[in-house]
Amino acid sequence: MILFYKIHNASLNKSFALFVFITLYLFNSTLYSAISKEDTLAVIENKVITSAEFISLYKEKITRIGLTDNGETRLGYLINLVNDELLIAEAKNKGLDKTEAAKKEYKRICFQKLLNAHSLNYISPAVNINENEFLQQKID
């Protein structure tokens, strides 16, 4: 009886291991073909975060907020991007993106992105002020 259990159990373990191997192989093949670019940093459902996208967003963020550029800051920002995409995916899966409040917020975000791009491309390059001039400004 014990011998049968060991043989049967070993057979199940081999079958299970083979199943896991095939599943992982198919998953990795599918995933690799979907994101075959070497510059892919993360994939959340259908959203791919590339290194080019990350660099662009990161540079904008450190400029806007004044973060110190180092490995810890970069990793933290990437983790935040992934967490944001996970939340967005979860909200979409629950249908929360179809509410009026979500549509209004999406329009506001798109408008803000346009303002940011305009500021970055047209206003910022024209501003030439040194630190002393900046410190002498009066805010009423």
N, C-alpha and C. Protein backbone atom coordinates (compact mmCIF):
# COMPACT_ATOMS: atom_id res chain seq x y z
N MET A 1 0.83 -1.19 0.00
CA MET A 1 0.00 0.00 0.00
C MET A 1 0.87 1.25 0.00
N ILE A 2 1.88 1.31 0.85
CA ILE A 2 2.77 2.47 0.92
C ILE A 2 3.55 2.59 -0.38
N LEU A 3 4.01 1.46 -0.93
CA LEU A 3 4.75 1.47 -2.18
C LEU A 3 3.88 2.03 -3.31
N PHE A 4 2.62 1.59 -3.39
CA PHE A 4 1.69 2.09 -4.41
C PHE A 4 1.52 3.60 -4.27
N TYR A 5 1.38 4.07 -3.03
CA TYR A 5 1.21 5.51 -2.78
C TYR A 5 2.43 6.29 -3.26
N LYS A 6 3.64 5.77 -2.96
CA LYS A 6 4.86 6.46 -3.37
C LYS A 6 4.98 6.50 -4.89
N ILE A 7 4.69 5.36 -5.54
CA ILE A 7 4.77 5.33 -7.00
C ILE A 7 3.71 6.23 -7.61
N HIS A 8 2.49 6.14 -7.10
CA HIS A 8 1.39 6.96 -7.60
C HIS A 8 1.69 8.44 -7.34
N ASN A 9 2.19 8.77 -6.15
CA ASN A 9 2.52 10.13 -5.78
C ASN A 9 3.64 10.67 -6.68
N ALA A 10 4.66 9.85 -6.94
CA ALA A 10 5.76 10.26 -7.81
C ALA A 10 5.25 10.52 -9.22
N SER A 11 4.33 9.68 -9.67
CA SER A 11 3.74 9.86 -10.99
C SER A 11 2.97 11.17 -11.06
N LEU A 12 2.21 11.47 -10.01
CA LEU A 12 1.48 12.72 -9.96
C LEU A 12 2.43 13.92 -9.94
N ASN A 13 3.52 13.80 -9.17
CA ASN A 13 4.50 14.89 -9.09
C ASN A 13 5.12 15.15 -10.46
N LYS A 14 5.45 14.05 -11.21
CA LYS A 14 6.01 14.23 -12.55
C LYS A 14 4.99 14.87 -13.48
N SER A 15 3.74 14.41 -13.38
CA SER A 15 2.70 14.99 -14.21
C SER A 15 2.50 16.46 -13.89
N PHE A 16 2.48 16.76 -12.62
CA PHE A 16 2.31 18.15 -12.19
C PHE A 16 3.48 19.01 -12.65
N ALA A 17 4.69 18.50 -12.50
CA ALA A 17 5.88 19.23 -12.93
C ALA A 17 5.85 19.47 -14.43
N LEU A 18 5.45 18.47 -15.20
CA LEU A 18 5.34 18.61 -16.64
C LEU A 18 4.29 19.65 -17.00
N PHE A 19 3.15 19.62 -16.32
CA PHE A 19 2.09 20.60 -16.54
C PHE A 19 2.59 22.02 -16.27
N VAL A 20 3.28 22.19 -15.13
CA VAL A 20 3.81 23.51 -14.77
C VAL A 20 4.83 23.98 -15.81
N PHE A 21 5.71 23.07 -16.24
CA PHE A 21 6.72 23.41 -17.23
C PHE A 21 6.08 23.86 -18.54
N ILE A 22 5.11 23.09 -19.04
CA ILE A 22 4.44 23.44 -20.29
C ILE A 22 3.70 24.77 -20.16
N THR A 23 3.01 24.95 -19.04
CA THR A 23 2.28 26.20 -18.82
C THR A 23 3.23 27.39 -18.80
N LEU A 24 4.32 27.27 -18.07
CA LEU A 24 5.29 28.37 -18.02
C LEU A 24 5.92 28.62 -19.38
N TYR A 25 6.22 27.55 -20.11
CA TYR A 25 6.81 27.70 -21.43
C TYR A 25 5.85 28.46 -22.36
N LEU A 26 4.60 28.05 -22.39
CA LEU A 26 3.62 28.72 -23.25
C LEU A 26 3.41 30.16 -22.82
N PHE A 27 3.34 30.38 -21.51
CA PHE A 27 3.16 31.74 -21.00
C PHE A 27 4.33 32.62 -21.39
N ASN A 28 5.55 32.12 -21.18
CA ASN A 28 6.74 32.90 -21.52
C ASN A 28 6.85 33.13 -23.02
N SER A 29 6.50 32.14 -23.84
CA SER A 29 6.56 32.31 -25.29
C SER A 29 5.59 33.38 -25.73
N THR A 30 4.37 33.32 -25.22
CA THR A 30 3.36 34.31 -25.57
C THR A 30 3.77 35.68 -25.09
N LEU A 31 4.24 35.76 -23.87
CA LEU A 31 4.66 37.03 -23.32
C LEU A 31 5.84 37.58 -24.09
N TYR A 32 6.80 36.73 -24.41
CA TYR A 32 7.99 37.19 -25.12
C TYR A 32 7.63 37.69 -26.52
N SER A 33 6.75 37.00 -27.21
CA SER A 33 6.37 37.45 -28.55
C SER A 33 5.60 38.76 -28.49
N ALA A 34 4.85 38.97 -27.43
CA ALA A 34 4.08 40.20 -27.29
C ALA A 34 4.98 41.38 -26.96
N ILE A 35 6.08 41.11 -26.26
CA ILE A 35 6.96 42.20 -25.83
C ILE A 35 8.40 41.89 -26.22
N SER A 36 8.62 41.59 -27.46
CA SER A 36 9.94 41.14 -27.88
C SER A 36 10.99 42.25 -27.88
N LYS A 37 10.59 43.47 -27.64
CA LYS A 37 11.57 44.55 -27.59
C LYS A 37 12.40 44.44 -26.32
N GLU A 38 13.68 44.70 -26.46
CA GLU A 38 14.58 44.59 -25.32
C GLU A 38 14.40 45.71 -24.32
N ASP A 39 13.78 46.80 -24.73
CA ASP A 39 13.67 47.96 -23.84
C ASP A 39 12.41 47.93 -22.98
N THR A 40 11.70 46.82 -22.94
CA THR A 40 10.49 46.71 -22.13
C THR A 40 10.87 46.56 -20.67
N LEU A 41 10.31 47.45 -19.84
CA LEU A 41 10.57 47.40 -18.41
C LEU A 41 9.48 46.68 -17.64
N ALA A 42 8.23 46.82 -18.10
CA ALA A 42 7.11 46.19 -17.39
C ALA A 42 5.94 46.01 -18.35
N VAL A 43 5.12 45.00 -18.07
CA VAL A 43 3.89 44.76 -18.82
C VAL A 43 2.78 44.54 -17.81
N ILE A 44 1.74 45.37 -17.90
CA ILE A 44 0.58 45.25 -17.04
C ILE A 44 -0.62 45.11 -17.96
N GLU A 45 -1.19 43.92 -18.00
CA GLU A 45 -2.24 43.57 -18.94
C GLU A 45 -1.76 43.93 -20.34
N ASN A 46 -2.42 44.87 -21.04
CA ASN A 46 -2.01 45.24 -22.39
C ASN A 46 -1.07 46.43 -22.42
N LYS A 47 -0.77 47.02 -21.30
CA LYS A 47 0.07 48.21 -21.22
C LYS A 47 1.54 47.81 -21.08
N VAL A 48 2.37 48.31 -21.99
CA VAL A 48 3.80 48.05 -21.96
C VAL A 48 4.51 49.34 -21.56
N ILE A 49 5.35 49.27 -20.55
CA ILE A 49 6.16 50.43 -20.15
C ILE A 49 7.56 50.19 -20.70
N THR A 50 7.93 51.01 -21.69
CA THR A 50 9.25 50.88 -22.31
C THR A 50 10.24 51.78 -21.59
N SER A 51 11.51 51.54 -21.83
CA SER A 51 12.53 52.39 -21.21
C SER A 51 12.42 53.81 -21.74
N ALA A 52 12.08 53.98 -23.02
CA ALA A 52 11.93 55.33 -23.59
C ALA A 52 10.80 56.09 -22.90
N GLU A 53 9.66 55.40 -22.69
CA GLU A 53 8.53 56.03 -22.00
C GLU A 53 8.91 56.38 -20.56
N PHE A 54 9.58 55.43 -19.89
CA PHE A 54 10.00 55.66 -18.52
C PHE A 54 10.94 56.87 -18.42
N ILE A 55 11.93 56.93 -19.30
CA ILE A 55 12.89 58.04 -19.27
C ILE A 55 12.20 59.38 -19.48
N SER A 56 11.28 59.42 -20.43
CA SER A 56 10.55 60.66 -20.70
C SER A 56 9.73 61.10 -19.49
N LEU A 57 8.97 60.18 -18.92
CA LEU A 57 8.15 60.50 -17.75
C LEU A 57 9.01 60.85 -16.54
N TYR A 58 10.10 60.11 -16.38
CA TYR A 58 11.00 60.33 -15.23
C TYR A 58 11.65 61.70 -15.31
N LYS A 59 12.16 62.06 -16.49
CA LYS A 59 12.80 63.37 -16.65
C LYS A 59 11.81 64.50 -16.36
N GLU A 60 10.59 64.34 -16.86
CA GLU A 60 9.56 65.35 -16.60
C GLU A 60 9.29 65.46 -15.10
N LYS A 61 9.21 64.33 -14.43
CA LYS A 61 8.90 64.29 -13.00
C LYS A 61 10.01 64.92 -12.17
N ILE A 62 11.27 64.56 -12.43
CA ILE A 62 12.36 65.11 -11.62
C ILE A 62 12.53 66.60 -11.87
N THR A 63 12.22 67.04 -13.10
CA THR A 63 12.29 68.47 -13.40
C THR A 63 11.18 69.22 -12.69
N ARG A 64 9.98 68.67 -12.76
CA ARG A 64 8.82 69.35 -12.17
C ARG A 64 8.88 69.38 -10.65
N ILE A 65 9.28 68.28 -10.04
CA ILE A 65 9.25 68.19 -8.58
C ILE A 65 10.61 68.52 -7.97
N GLY A 66 11.67 68.34 -8.73
CA GLY A 66 12.99 68.61 -8.20
C GLY A 66 13.58 67.45 -7.42
N LEU A 67 13.31 66.24 -7.90
CA LEU A 67 13.85 65.04 -7.25
C LEU A 67 15.34 64.90 -7.54
N THR A 68 16.04 64.23 -6.65
CA THR A 68 17.44 63.90 -6.87
C THR A 68 17.49 62.65 -7.74
N ASP A 69 18.26 62.69 -8.81
CA ASP A 69 18.35 61.56 -9.73
C ASP A 69 19.37 60.56 -9.21
N ASN A 70 18.88 59.40 -8.78
CA ASN A 70 19.76 58.30 -8.37
C ASN A 70 19.00 56.99 -8.58
N GLY A 71 19.68 55.89 -8.38
CA GLY A 71 19.09 54.57 -8.61
C GLY A 71 17.85 54.31 -7.77
N GLU A 72 17.88 54.74 -6.53
CA GLU A 72 16.75 54.52 -5.62
C GLU A 72 15.52 55.30 -6.10
N THR A 73 15.74 56.53 -6.55
CA THR A 73 14.64 57.36 -7.04
C THR A 73 14.07 56.76 -8.32
N ARG A 74 14.93 56.30 -9.21
CA ARG A 74 14.47 55.68 -10.46
C ARG A 74 13.64 54.43 -10.19
N LEU A 75 14.14 53.57 -9.30
CA LEU A 75 13.41 52.35 -8.98
C LEU A 75 12.07 52.69 -8.33
N GLY A 76 12.08 53.63 -7.41
CA GLY A 76 10.83 54.04 -6.76
C GLY A 76 9.82 54.58 -7.76
N TYR A 77 10.30 55.35 -8.72
CA TYR A 77 9.39 55.91 -9.72
C TYR A 77 8.85 54.80 -10.62
N LEU A 78 9.69 53.84 -11.00
CA LEU A 78 9.21 52.72 -11.82
C LEU A 78 8.16 51.92 -11.06
N ILE A 79 8.39 51.67 -9.78
CA ILE A 79 7.41 50.95 -8.97
C ILE A 79 6.10 51.73 -8.91
N ASN A 80 6.18 53.04 -8.76
CA ASN A 80 4.96 53.87 -8.76
C ASN A 80 4.23 53.78 -10.10
N LEU A 81 4.97 53.81 -11.20
CA LEU A 81 4.34 53.67 -12.52
C LEU A 81 3.61 52.34 -12.64
N VAL A 82 4.26 51.28 -12.21
CA VAL A 82 3.64 49.94 -12.28
C VAL A 82 2.40 49.90 -11.40
N ASN A 83 2.50 50.42 -10.19
CA ASN A 83 1.33 50.44 -9.29
C ASN A 83 0.19 51.26 -9.87
N ASP A 84 0.51 52.39 -10.49
CA ASP A 84 -0.53 53.20 -11.15
C ASP A 84 -1.22 52.40 -12.24
N GLU A 85 -0.44 51.71 -13.07
CA GLU A 85 -1.03 50.92 -14.15
C GLU A 85 -1.86 49.75 -13.62
N LEU A 86 -1.43 49.16 -12.51
CA LEU A 86 -2.22 48.09 -11.88
C LEU A 86 -3.57 48.62 -11.40
N LEU A 87 -3.55 49.81 -10.79
CA LEU A 87 -4.81 50.42 -10.34
C LEU A 87 -5.72 50.77 -11.51
N ILE A 88 -5.13 51.29 -12.58
CA ILE A 88 -5.91 51.64 -13.77
C ILE A 88 -6.53 50.38 -14.36
N ALA A 89 -5.74 49.32 -14.46
CA ALA A 89 -6.26 48.06 -15.02
C ALA A 89 -7.39 47.51 -14.16
N GLU A 90 -7.22 47.57 -12.84
CA GLU A 90 -8.26 47.08 -11.93
C GLU A 90 -9.54 47.91 -12.07
N ALA A 91 -9.38 49.22 -12.17
CA ALA A 91 -10.55 50.09 -12.34
C ALA A 91 -11.27 49.79 -13.65
N LYS A 92 -10.51 49.59 -14.72
CA LYS A 92 -11.12 49.26 -16.02
C LYS A 92 -11.84 47.92 -15.94
N ASN A 93 -11.22 46.94 -15.29
CA ASN A 93 -11.86 45.62 -15.16
C ASN A 93 -13.16 45.69 -14.38
N LYS A 94 -13.25 46.64 -13.45
CA LYS A 94 -14.48 46.81 -12.67
C LYS A 94 -15.47 47.76 -13.34
N GLY A 95 -15.09 48.32 -14.49
CA GLY A 95 -15.97 49.23 -15.21
C GLY A 95 -16.02 50.63 -14.64
N LEU A 96 -15.09 50.96 -13.77
CA LEU A 96 -15.09 52.28 -13.13
C LEU A 96 -14.70 53.39 -14.10
N ASP A 97 -14.06 53.05 -15.21
CA ASP A 97 -13.65 54.06 -16.18
C ASP A 97 -14.82 54.59 -17.00
N LYS A 98 -15.98 54.00 -16.83
CA LYS A 98 -17.15 54.41 -17.60
C LYS A 98 -18.07 55.37 -16.84
N THR A 99 -17.74 55.67 -15.60
CA THR A 99 -18.57 56.60 -14.82
C THR A 99 -18.33 58.03 -15.30
N GLU A 100 -19.30 58.89 -15.04
CA GLU A 100 -19.17 60.30 -15.44
C GLU A 100 -17.99 60.97 -14.75
N ALA A 101 -17.78 60.66 -13.48
CA ALA A 101 -16.66 61.25 -12.74
C ALA A 101 -15.33 60.84 -13.37
N ALA A 102 -15.22 59.58 -13.78
CA ALA A 102 -13.99 59.10 -14.41
C ALA A 102 -13.76 59.77 -15.76
N LYS A 103 -14.82 59.93 -16.54
CA LYS A 103 -14.69 60.59 -17.84
C LYS A 103 -14.26 62.04 -17.67
N LYS A 104 -14.82 62.71 -16.69
CA LYS A 104 -14.47 64.10 -16.42
C LYS A 104 -13.00 64.21 -15.98
N GLU A 105 -12.57 63.31 -15.11
CA GLU A 105 -11.18 63.31 -14.64
C GLU A 105 -10.23 63.00 -15.78
N TYR A 106 -10.60 62.09 -16.66
CA TYR A 106 -9.77 61.75 -17.81
C TYR A 106 -9.58 62.97 -18.72
N LYS A 107 -10.65 63.71 -18.96
CA LYS A 107 -10.56 64.93 -19.77
C LYS A 107 -9.65 65.95 -19.10
N ARG A 108 -9.76 66.06 -17.77
CA ARG A 108 -8.92 67.01 -17.04
C ARG A 108 -7.45 66.63 -17.14
N ILE A 109 -7.16 65.34 -17.02
CA ILE A 109 -5.79 64.86 -17.11
C ILE A 109 -5.23 65.10 -18.51
N CYS A 110 -6.01 64.83 -19.54
CA CYS A 110 -5.57 65.07 -20.92
C CYS A 110 -5.27 66.54 -21.14
N PHE A 111 -6.13 67.42 -20.63
CA PHE A 111 -5.91 68.86 -20.76
C PHE A 111 -4.64 69.28 -20.02
N GLN A 112 -4.43 68.73 -18.83
CA GLN A 112 -3.22 69.06 -18.07
C GLN A 112 -1.97 68.60 -18.80
N LYS A 113 -2.03 67.43 -19.44
CA LYS A 113 -0.89 66.95 -20.21
C LYS A 113 -0.58 67.90 -21.37
N LEU A 114 -1.63 68.41 -22.01
CA LEU A 114 -1.42 69.39 -23.08
C LEU A 114 -0.77 70.66 -22.55
N LEU A 115 -1.24 71.13 -21.39
CA LEU A 115 -0.64 72.33 -20.78
C LEU A 115 0.82 72.09 -20.42
N ASN A 116 1.11 70.94 -19.87
CA ASN A 116 2.49 70.60 -19.50
C ASN A 116 3.39 70.55 -20.74
N ALA A 117 2.90 69.93 -21.81
CA ALA A 117 3.68 69.84 -23.04
C ALA A 117 3.93 71.23 -23.62
N HIS A 118 2.90 72.07 -23.60
CA HIS A 118 3.04 73.44 -24.12
C HIS A 118 4.07 74.21 -23.29
N SER A 119 3.97 74.08 -21.99
CA SER A 119 4.90 74.77 -21.10
C SER A 119 6.33 74.30 -21.34
N LEU A 120 6.50 72.99 -21.46
CA LEU A 120 7.83 72.42 -21.66
C LEU A 120 8.43 72.82 -23.01
N ASN A 121 7.61 72.84 -24.05
CA ASN A 121 8.11 73.11 -25.40
C ASN A 121 8.21 74.59 -25.76
N TYR A 122 7.33 75.43 -25.20
CA TYR A 122 7.28 76.82 -25.65
C TYR A 122 7.61 77.85 -24.57
N ILE A 123 7.24 77.57 -23.34
CA ILE A 123 7.46 78.56 -22.28
C ILE A 123 8.82 78.39 -21.62
N SER A 124 9.12 77.18 -21.19
CA SER A 124 10.38 76.93 -20.48
C SER A 124 11.63 77.31 -21.27
N PRO A 125 11.71 76.98 -22.57
CA PRO A 125 12.91 77.37 -23.31
C PRO A 125 13.12 78.88 -23.40
N ALA A 126 12.03 79.64 -23.32
CA ALA A 126 12.14 81.09 -23.43
C ALA A 126 12.50 81.76 -22.11
N VAL A 127 12.40 81.03 -21.01
CA VAL A 127 12.69 81.61 -19.70
C VAL A 127 14.19 81.50 -19.44
N ASN A 128 14.80 82.64 -19.16
CA ASN A 128 16.23 82.67 -18.87
C ASN A 128 16.42 83.50 -17.61
N ILE A 129 16.46 82.86 -16.49
CA ILE A 129 16.57 83.56 -15.22
C ILE A 129 17.59 82.83 -14.35
N ASN A 130 18.43 83.60 -13.70
CA ASN A 130 19.42 82.95 -12.82
C ASN A 130 18.87 82.88 -11.40
N GLU A 131 19.61 82.24 -10.52
CA GLU A 131 19.13 82.02 -9.15
C GLU A 131 18.94 83.33 -8.40
N ASN A 132 19.86 84.28 -8.56
CA ASN A 132 19.73 85.57 -7.86
C ASN A 132 18.48 86.32 -8.29
N GLU A 133 18.21 86.33 -9.60
CA GLU A 133 17.00 86.99 -10.10
C GLU A 133 15.75 86.28 -9.55
N PHE A 134 15.82 85.00 -9.48
CA PHE A 134 14.68 84.23 -8.96
C PHE A 134 14.43 84.56 -7.50
N LEU A 135 15.48 84.62 -6.72
CA LEU A 135 15.34 84.89 -5.29
C LEU A 135 14.87 86.32 -5.00
N GLN A 136 15.10 87.23 -5.93
CA GLN A 136 14.70 88.62 -5.73
C GLN A 136 13.24 88.87 -6.10
N GLN A 137 12.55 87.88 -6.66
CA GLN A 137 11.15 88.03 -7.03
C GLN A 137 10.31 88.18 -5.76
N LYS A 138 9.33 89.05 -5.84
CA LYS A 138 8.41 89.24 -4.73
C LYS A 138 7.09 88.59 -5.06
N ILE A 139 6.59 87.87 -4.11
CA ILE A 139 5.28 87.23 -4.29
C ILE A 139 4.33 87.92 -3.32
N ASP A 140 3.31 88.52 -3.87
CA ASP A 140 2.32 89.22 -3.04
C ASP A 140 1.11 88.38 -2.80
